[in-house]
Amino acid sequence: DGSETEFLRALGRAIQERRLRLRLSQKELAQEAGIDRAYISNIEQAKRNPSFAALANLAIGLRMRLSKLISAAERIEGSK
């Protein structure tokens, strides 16, 4: 589904932008979130569709509410 792919791209970009804003490497975020670094890389590249639990853990690692992370992805998706 095209819209799902677009959202996954936007979500990956939102995660990456927040991670970079916090000056965290993928490895550091992986440690904070309890998620494998390669999995984070795949999410950022829209190669993986993260589970709800993974997203919740990423939000914790990114020091933001999950709802704010989703909103950031929706903003990115809507700006295209």
PDB file of N, CA and C in Angstrom:
ATOM      1  N   ASP A   1       0.845  -1.197   0.000  1.00  0.00           N
ATOM      2  CA  ASP A   1       0.000   0.000   0.000  1.00  0.00           C
ATOM      3  C   ASP A   1       0.880   1.247   0.000  1.00  0.00           C
ATOM      4  N   GLY A   2       0.659   2.122  -0.942  1.00  0.00           N
ATOM      5  CA  GLY A   2       1.476   3.316  -1.087  1.00  0.00           C
ATOM      6  C   GLY A   2       1.433   4.240   0.104  1.00  0.00           C
ATOM      7  N   SER A   3       0.252   4.428   0.683  1.00  0.00           N
ATOM      8  CA  SER A   3       0.151   5.350   1.810  1.00  0.00           C
ATOM      9  C   SER A   3       0.889   4.808   3.032  1.00  0.00           C
ATOM     10  N   GLU A   4       0.868   3.494   3.215  1.00  0.00           N
ATOM     11  CA  GLU A   4       1.617   2.897   4.333  1.00  0.00           C
ATOM     12  C   GLU A   4       3.110   3.117   4.135  1.00  0.00           C
ATOM     13  N   THR A   5       3.585   2.909   2.910  1.00  0.00           N
ATOM     14  CA  THR A   5       4.999   3.121   2.605  1.00  0.00           C
ATOM     15  C   THR A   5       5.396   4.563   2.842  1.00  0.00           C
ATOM     16  N   GLU A   6       4.546   5.495   2.412  1.00  0.00           N
ATOM     17  CA  GLU A   6       4.834   6.925   2.629  1.00  0.00           C
ATOM     18  C   GLU A   6       4.907   7.242   4.110  1.00  0.00           C
ATOM     19  N   PHE A   7       3.980   6.677   4.890  1.00  0.00           N
ATOM     20  CA  PHE A   7       4.002   6.941   6.324  1.00  0.00           C
ATOM     21  C   PHE A   7       5.248   6.345   6.965  1.00  0.00           C
ATOM     22  N   LEU A   8       5.648   5.136   6.542  1.00  0.00           N
ATOM     23  CA  LEU A   8       6.855   4.529   7.108  1.00  0.00           C
ATOM     24  C   LEU A   8       8.093   5.364   6.791  1.00  0.00           C
ATOM     25  N   ARG A   9       8.144   5.930   5.589  1.00  0.00           N
ATOM     26  CA  ARG A   9       9.255   6.826   5.241  1.00  0.00           C
ATOM     27  C   ARG A   9       9.254   8.055   6.147  1.00  0.00           C
ATOM     28  N   ALA A  10       8.066   8.643   6.331  1.00  0.00           N
ATOM     29  CA  ALA A  10       7.937   9.829   7.174  1.00  0.00           C
ATOM     30  C   ALA A  10       8.284   9.496   8.626  1.00  0.00           C
ATOM     31  N   LEU A  11       7.860   8.349   9.100  1.00  0.00           N
ATOM     32  CA  LEU A  11       8.162   7.928  10.467  1.00  0.00           C
ATOM     33  C   LEU A  11       9.668   7.758  10.646  1.00  0.00           C
ATOM     34  N   GLY A  12      10.307   7.104   9.702  1.00  0.00           N
ATOM     35  CA  GLY A  12      11.759   6.932   9.767  1.00  0.00           C
ATOM     36  C   GLY A  12      12.484   8.254   9.796  1.00  0.00           C
ATOM     37  N   ARG A  13      12.002   9.181   8.983  1.00  0.00           N
ATOM     38  CA  ARG A  13      12.631  10.506   8.948  1.00  0.00           C
ATOM     39  C   ARG A  13      12.412  11.251  10.264  1.00  0.00           C
ATOM     40  N   ALA A  14      11.210  11.138  10.830  1.00  0.00           N
ATOM     41  CA  ALA A  14      10.912  11.792  12.107  1.00  0.00           C
ATOM     42  C   ALA A  14      11.813  11.244  13.213  1.00  0.00           C
ATOM     43  N   ILE A  15      12.005   9.935  13.226  1.00  0.00           N
ATOM     44  CA  ILE A  15      12.875   9.309  14.229  1.00  0.00           C
ATOM     45  C   ILE A  15      14.310   9.788  14.053  1.00  0.00           C
ATOM     46  N   GLN A  16      14.770   9.771  12.809  1.00  0.00           N
ATOM     47  CA  GLN A  16      16.145  10.194  12.540  1.00  0.00           C
ATOM     48  C   GLN A  16      16.354  11.669  12.899  1.00  0.00           C
ATOM     49  N   GLU A  17      15.415  12.521  12.515  1.00  0.00           N
ATOM     50  CA  GLU A  17      15.557  13.955  12.811  1.00  0.00           C
ATOM     51  C   GLU A  17      15.613  14.205  14.312  1.00  0.00           C
ATOM     52  N   ARG A  18      14.738  13.544  15.071  1.00  0.00           N
ATOM     53  CA  ARG A  18      14.738  13.709  16.527  1.00  0.00           C
ATOM     54  C   ARG A  18      16.029  13.169  17.133  1.00  0.00           C
ATOM     55  N   ARG A  19      16.477  12.019  16.644  1.00  0.00           N
ATOM     56  CA  ARG A  19      17.725  11.426  17.143  1.00  0.00           C
ATOM     57  C   ARG A  19      18.902  12.367  16.913  1.00  0.00           C
ATOM     58  N   LEU A  20      18.976  12.947  15.726  1.00  0.00           N
ATOM     59  CA  LEU A  20      20.066  13.861  15.409  1.00  0.00           C
ATOM     60  C   LEU A  20      19.960  15.149  16.222  1.00  0.00           C
ATOM     61  N   ARG A  21      18.734  15.624  16.435  1.00  0.00           N
ATOM     62  CA  ARG A  21      18.535  16.821  17.253  1.00  0.00           C
ATOM     63  C   ARG A  21      19.046  16.599  18.674  1.00  0.00           C
ATOM     64  N   LEU A  22      18.879  15.374  19.168  1.00  0.00           N
ATOM     65  CA  LEU A  22      19.360  15.021  20.510  1.00  0.00           C
ATOM     66  C   LEU A  22      20.836  14.638  20.512  1.00  0.00           C
ATOM     67  N   ARG A  23      21.447  14.647  19.322  1.00  0.00           N
ATOM     68  CA  ARG A  23      22.851  14.274  19.145  1.00  0.00           C
ATOM     69  C   ARG A  23      23.124  12.849  19.644  1.00  0.00           C
ATOM     70  N   LEU A  24      22.213  11.952  19.296  1.00  0.00           N
ATOM     71  CA  LEU A  24      22.369  10.539  19.638  1.00  0.00           C
ATOM     72  C   LEU A  24      22.763   9.757  18.391  1.00  0.00           C
ATOM     73  N   SER A  25      23.692   8.843  18.555  1.00  0.00           N
ATOM     74  CA  SER A  25      23.991   7.913  17.469  1.00  0.00           C
ATOM     75  C   SER A  25      22.904   6.837  17.476  1.00  0.00           C
ATOM     76  N   GLN A  26      22.845   6.060  16.411  1.00  0.00           N
ATOM     77  CA  GLN A  26      21.895   4.943  16.397  1.00  0.00           C
ATOM     78  C   GLN A  26      22.218   3.977  17.546  1.00  0.00           C
ATOM     79  N   LYS A  27      23.484   3.791  17.814  1.00  0.00           N
ATOM     80  CA  LYS A  27      23.902   2.891  18.895  1.00  0.00           C
ATOM     81  C   LYS A  27      23.412   3.409  20.246  1.00  0.00           C
ATOM     82  N   GLU A  28      23.564   4.711  20.469  1.00  0.00           N
ATOM     83  CA  GLU A  28      23.107   5.296  21.738  1.00  0.00           C
ATOM     84  C   GLU A  28      21.591   5.193  21.880  1.00  0.00           C
ATOM     85  N   LEU A  29      20.870   5.469  20.785  1.00  0.00           N
ATOM     86  CA  LEU A  29      19.420   5.343  20.831  1.00  0.00           C
ATOM     87  C   LEU A  29      19.023   3.892  21.090  1.00  0.00           C
ATOM     88  N   ALA A  30      19.724   2.974  20.466  1.00  0.00           N
ATOM     89  CA  ALA A  30      19.444   1.550  20.669  1.00  0.00           C
ATOM     90  C   ALA A  30      19.585   1.184  22.149  1.00  0.00           C
ATOM     91  N   GLN A  31      20.617   1.696  22.795  1.00  0.00           N
ATOM     92  CA  GLN A  31      20.821   1.422  24.222  1.00  0.00           C
ATOM     93  C   GLN A  31      19.701   2.042  25.060  1.00  0.00           C
ATOM     94  N   GLU A  32      19.333   3.283  24.740  1.00  0.00           N
ATOM     95  CA  GLU A  32      18.269   3.980  25.490  1.00  0.00           C
ATOM     96  C   GLU A  32      16.922   3.279  25.332  1.00  0.00           C
ATOM     97  N   ALA A  33      16.665   2.783  24.128  1.00  0.00           N
ATOM     98  CA  ALA A  33      15.349   2.205  23.810  1.00  0.00           C
ATOM     99  C   ALA A  33      15.292   0.694  24.008  1.00  0.00           C
ATOM    100  N   GLY A  34      16.443   0.062  24.208  1.00  0.00           N
ATOM    101  CA  GLY A  34      16.467  -1.387  24.350  1.00  0.00           C
ATOM    102  C   GLY A  34      16.119  -2.109  23.055  1.00  0.00           C
ATOM    103  N   ILE A  35      16.556  -1.510  21.952  1.00  0.00           N
ATOM    104  CA  ILE A  35      16.267  -2.044  20.608  1.00  0.00           C
ATOM    105  C   ILE A  35      17.601  -2.202  19.872  1.00  0.00           C
ATOM    106  N   ASP A  36      17.682  -3.189  19.016  1.00  0.00           N
ATOM    107  CA  ASP A  36      18.900  -3.423  18.237  1.00  0.00           C
ATOM    108  C   ASP A  36      19.194  -2.246  17.301  1.00  0.00           C
ATOM    109  N   ARG A  37      20.463  -1.862  17.199  1.00  0.00           N
ATOM    110  CA  ARG A  37      20.859  -0.740  16.352  1.00  0.00           C
ATOM    111  C   ARG A  37      20.487  -0.968  14.890  1.00  0.00           C
ATOM    112  N   ALA A  38      20.675  -2.178  14.402  1.00  0.00           N
ATOM    113  CA  ALA A  38      20.346  -2.472  13.001  1.00  0.00           C
ATOM    114  C   ALA A  38      18.843  -2.313  12.751  1.00  0.00           C
ATOM    115  N   TYR A  39      18.037  -2.656  13.741  1.00  0.00           N
ATOM    116  CA  TYR A  39      16.580  -2.506  13.623  1.00  0.00           C
ATOM    117  C   TYR A  39      16.223  -1.022  13.512  1.00  0.00           C
ATOM    118  N   ILE A  40      16.888  -0.183  14.309  1.00  0.00           N
ATOM    119  CA  ILE A  40      16.652   1.268  14.221  1.00  0.00           C
ATOM    120  C   ILE A  40      17.052   1.780  12.846  1.00  0.00           C
ATOM    121  N   SER A  41      18.179   1.326  12.349  1.00  0.00           N
ATOM    122  CA  SER A  41      18.623   1.721  11.013  1.00  0.00           C
ATOM    123  C   SER A  41      17.573   1.351   9.973  1.00  0.00           C
ATOM    124  N   ASN A  42      17.037   0.141  10.068  1.00  0.00           N
ATOM    125  CA  ASN A  42      16.019  -0.305   9.116  1.00  0.00           C
ATOM    126  C   ASN A  42      14.725   0.495   9.241  1.00  0.00           C
ATOM    127  N   ILE A  43      14.359   0.891  10.441  1.00  0.00           N
ATOM    128  CA  ILE A  43      13.169   1.725  10.625  1.00  0.00           C
ATOM    129  C   ILE A  43      13.406   3.100   9.993  1.00  0.00           C
ATOM    130  N   GLU A  44      14.568   3.684  10.262  1.00  0.00           N
ATOM    131  CA  GLU A  44      14.883   5.000   9.699  1.00  0.00           C
ATOM    132  C   GLU A  44      14.892   4.969   8.167  1.00  0.00           C
ATOM    133  N   GLN A  45      15.256   3.847   7.585  1.00  0.00           N
ATOM    134  CA  GLN A  45      15.295   3.711   6.127  1.00  0.00           C
ATOM    135  C   GLN A  45      13.980   3.175   5.548  1.00  0.00           C
ATOM    136  N   ALA A  46      12.967   3.037   6.400  1.00  0.00           N
ATOM    137  CA  ALA A  46      11.641   2.533   5.996  1.00  0.00           C
ATOM    138  C   ALA A  46      11.706   1.119   5.433  1.00  0.00           C
ATOM    139  N   LYS A  47      12.671   0.340   5.915  1.00  0.00           N
ATOM    140  CA  LYS A  47      12.785  -1.057   5.492  1.00  0.00           C
ATOM    141  C   LYS A  47      12.045  -1.983   6.439  1.00  0.00           C
ATOM    142  N   ARG A  48      11.686  -1.480   7.616  1.00  0.00           N
ATOM    143  CA  ARG A  48      10.957  -2.279   8.606  1.00  0.00           C
ATOM    144  C   ARG A  48       9.746  -1.497   9.084  1.00  0.00           C
ATOM    145  N   ASN A  49       8.677  -2.209   9.368  1.00  0.00           N
ATOM    146  CA  ASN A  49       7.470  -1.634   9.936  1.00  0.00           C
ATOM    147  C   ASN A  49       7.518  -1.964  11.433  1.00  0.00           C
ATOM    148  N   PRO A  50       7.853  -0.981  12.283  1.00  0.00           N
ATOM    149  CA  PRO A  50       8.050  -1.290  13.699  1.00  0.00           C
ATOM    150  C   PRO A  50       6.747  -1.656  14.407  1.00  0.00           C
ATOM    151  N   SER A  51       6.870  -2.514  15.395  1.00  0.00           N
ATOM    152  CA  SER A  51       5.718  -2.861  16.227  1.00  0.00           C
ATOM    153  C   SER A  51       5.359  -1.670  17.117  1.00  0.00           C
ATOM    154  N   PHE A  52       4.181  -1.736  17.694  1.00  0.00           N
ATOM    155  CA  PHE A  52       3.769  -0.685  18.625  1.00  0.00           C
ATOM    156  C   PHE A  52       4.729  -0.622  19.805  1.00  0.00           C
ATOM    157  N   ALA A  53       5.142  -1.778  20.319  1.00  0.00           N
ATOM    158  CA  ALA A  53       6.074  -1.814  21.454  1.00  0.00           C
ATOM    159  C   ALA A  53       7.413  -1.173  21.084  1.00  0.00           C
ATOM    160  N   ALA A  54       7.895  -1.456  19.872  1.00  0.00           N
ATOM    161  CA  ALA A  54       9.161  -0.853  19.429  1.00  0.00           C
ATOM    162  C   ALA A  54       9.023   0.659  19.326  1.00  0.00           C
ATOM    163  N   LEU A  55       7.890   1.128  18.792  1.00  0.00           N
ATOM    164  CA  LEU A  55       7.667   2.576  18.701  1.00  0.00           C
ATOM    165  C   LEU A  55       7.609   3.208  20.079  1.00  0.00           C
ATOM    166  N   ALA A  56       6.937   2.559  21.017  1.00  0.00           N
ATOM    167  CA  ALA A  56       6.849   3.087  22.380  1.00  0.00           C
ATOM    168  C   ALA A  56       8.242   3.181  22.998  1.00  0.00           C
ATOM    169  N   ASN A  57       9.061   2.157  22.792  1.00  0.00           N
ATOM    170  CA  ASN A  57      10.428   2.177  23.318  1.00  0.00           C
ATOM    171  C   ASN A  57      11.283   3.232  22.629  1.00  0.00           C
ATOM    172  N   LEU A  58      11.095   3.404  21.322  1.00  0.00           N
ATOM    173  CA  LEU A  58      11.821   4.453  20.607  1.00  0.00           C
ATOM    174  C   LEU A  58      11.450   5.831  21.142  1.00  0.00           C
ATOM    175  N   ALA A  59      10.172   6.043  21.384  1.00  0.00           N
ATOM    176  CA  ALA A  59       9.732   7.330  21.926  1.00  0.00           C
ATOM    177  C   ALA A  59      10.407   7.601  23.264  1.00  0.00           C
ATOM    178  N   ILE A  60      10.511   6.583  24.102  1.00  0.00           N
ATOM    179  CA  ILE A  60      11.201   6.743  25.390  1.00  0.00           C
ATOM    180  C   ILE A  60      12.661   7.123  25.144  1.00  0.00           C
ATOM    181  N   GLY A  61      13.310   6.396  24.231  1.00  0.00           N
ATOM    182  CA  GLY A  61      14.706   6.685  23.916  1.00  0.00           C
ATOM    183  C   GLY A  61      14.905   8.065  23.320  1.00  0.00           C
ATOM    184  N   LEU A  62      13.886   8.553  22.608  1.00  0.00           N
ATOM    185  CA  LEU A  62      13.941   9.880  21.981  1.00  0.00           C
ATOM    186  C   LEU A  62      13.418  10.965  22.918  1.00  0.00           C
ATOM    187  N   ARG A  63      13.062  10.561  24.147  1.00  0.00           N
ATOM    188  CA  ARG A  63      12.598  11.491  25.184  1.00  0.00           C
ATOM    189  C   ARG A  63      11.404  12.317  24.726  1.00  0.00           C
ATOM    190  N   MET A  64      10.432  11.616  24.177  1.00  0.00           N
ATOM    191  CA  MET A  64       9.211  12.275  23.726  1.00  0.00           C
ATOM    192  C   MET A  64       8.037  11.323  23.866  1.00  0.00           C
ATOM    193  N   ARG A  65       6.844  11.894  23.874  1.00  0.00           N
ATOM    194  CA  ARG A  65       5.648  11.059  23.896  1.00  0.00           C
ATOM    195  C   ARG A  65       5.488  10.369  22.552  1.00  0.00           C
ATOM    196  N   LEU A  66       4.937   9.168  22.582  1.00  0.00           N
ATOM    197  CA  LEU A  66       4.675   8.442  21.345  1.00  0.00           C
ATOM    198  C   LEU A  66       3.750   9.250  20.433  1.00  0.00           C
ATOM    199  N   SER A  67       2.747   9.902  21.016  1.00  0.00           N
ATOM    200  CA  SER A  67       1.822  10.711  20.210  1.00  0.00           C
ATOM    201  C   SER A  67       2.553  11.832  19.482  1.00  0.00           C
ATOM    202  N   LYS A  68       3.575  12.409  20.111  1.00  0.00           N
ATOM    203  CA  LYS A  68       4.351  13.479  19.456  1.00  0.00           C
ATOM    204  C   LYS A  68       5.190  12.920  18.305  1.00  0.00           C
ATOM    205  N   LEU A  69       5.694  11.721  18.474  1.00  0.00           N
ATOM    206  CA  LEU A  69       6.462  11.081  17.410  1.00  0.00           C
ATOM    207  C   LEU A  69       5.567  10.813  16.196  1.00  0.00           C
ATOM    208  N   ILE A  70       4.369  10.300  16.449  1.00  0.00           N
ATOM    209  CA  ILE A  70       3.416  10.034  15.364  1.00  0.00           C
ATOM    210  C   ILE A  70       3.019  11.343  14.682  1.00  0.00           C
ATOM    211  N   SER A  71       2.769  12.382  15.489  1.00  0.00           N
ATOM    212  CA  SER A  71       2.414  13.699  14.927  1.00  0.00           C
ATOM    213  C   SER A  71       3.529  14.250  14.052  1.00  0.00           C
ATOM    214  N   ALA A  72       4.777  14.065  14.487  1.00  0.00           N
ATOM    215  CA  ALA A  72       5.916  14.537  13.691  1.00  0.00           C
ATOM    216  C   ALA A  72       5.957  13.813  12.348  1.00  0.00           C
ATOM    217  N   ALA A  73       5.712  12.501  12.367  1.00  0.00           N
ATOM    218  CA  ALA A  73       5.688  11.727  11.119  1.00  0.00           C
ATOM    219  C   ALA A  73       4.538  12.186  10.224  1.00  0.00           C
ATOM    220  N   GLU A  74       3.387  12.456  10.815  1.00  0.00           N
ATOM    221  CA  GLU A  74       2.238  12.927  10.020  1.00  0.00           C
ATOM    222  C   GLU A  74       2.522  14.288   9.395  1.00  0.00           C
ATOM    223  N   ARG A  75       3.213  15.150  10.121  1.00  0.00           N
ATOM    224  CA  ARG A  75       3.579  16.464   9.562  1.00  0.00           C
ATOM    225  C   ARG A  75       4.509  16.298   8.368  1.00  0.00           C
ATOM    226  N   ILE A  76       5.512  15.425   8.525  1.00  0.00           N
ATOM    227  CA  ILE A  76       6.456  15.170   7.427  1.00  0.00           C
ATOM    228  C   ILE A  76       5.725  14.583   6.239  1.00  0.00           C
ATOM    229  N   GLU A  77       4.857  13.619   6.490  1.00  0.00           N
ATOM    230  CA  GLU A  77       4.094  12.988   5.409  1.00  0.00           C
ATOM    231  C   GLU A  77       3.203  14.001   4.710  1.00  0.00           C
ATOM    232  N   GLY A  78       2.587  14.882   5.472  1.00  0.00           N
ATOM    233  CA  GLY A  78       1.680  15.877   4.910  1.00  0.00           C
ATOM    234  C   GLY A  78       2.373  16.990   4.153  1.00  0.00           C
ATOM    235  N   SER A  79       3.678  17.173   4.411  1.00  0.00           N
ATOM    236  CA  SER A  79       4.406  18.266   3.749  1.00  0.00           C
ATOM    237  C   SER A  79       4.860  17.895   2.351  1.00  0.00           C
ATOM    238  N   LYS A  80       4.563  16.653   1.926  1.00  0.00           N
ATOM    239  CA  LYS A  80       4.989  16.225   0.583  1.00  0.00           C
ATOM    240  C   LYS A  80       3.932  16.517  -0.437  1.00  0.00           C
TER     241      LYS A  80
END
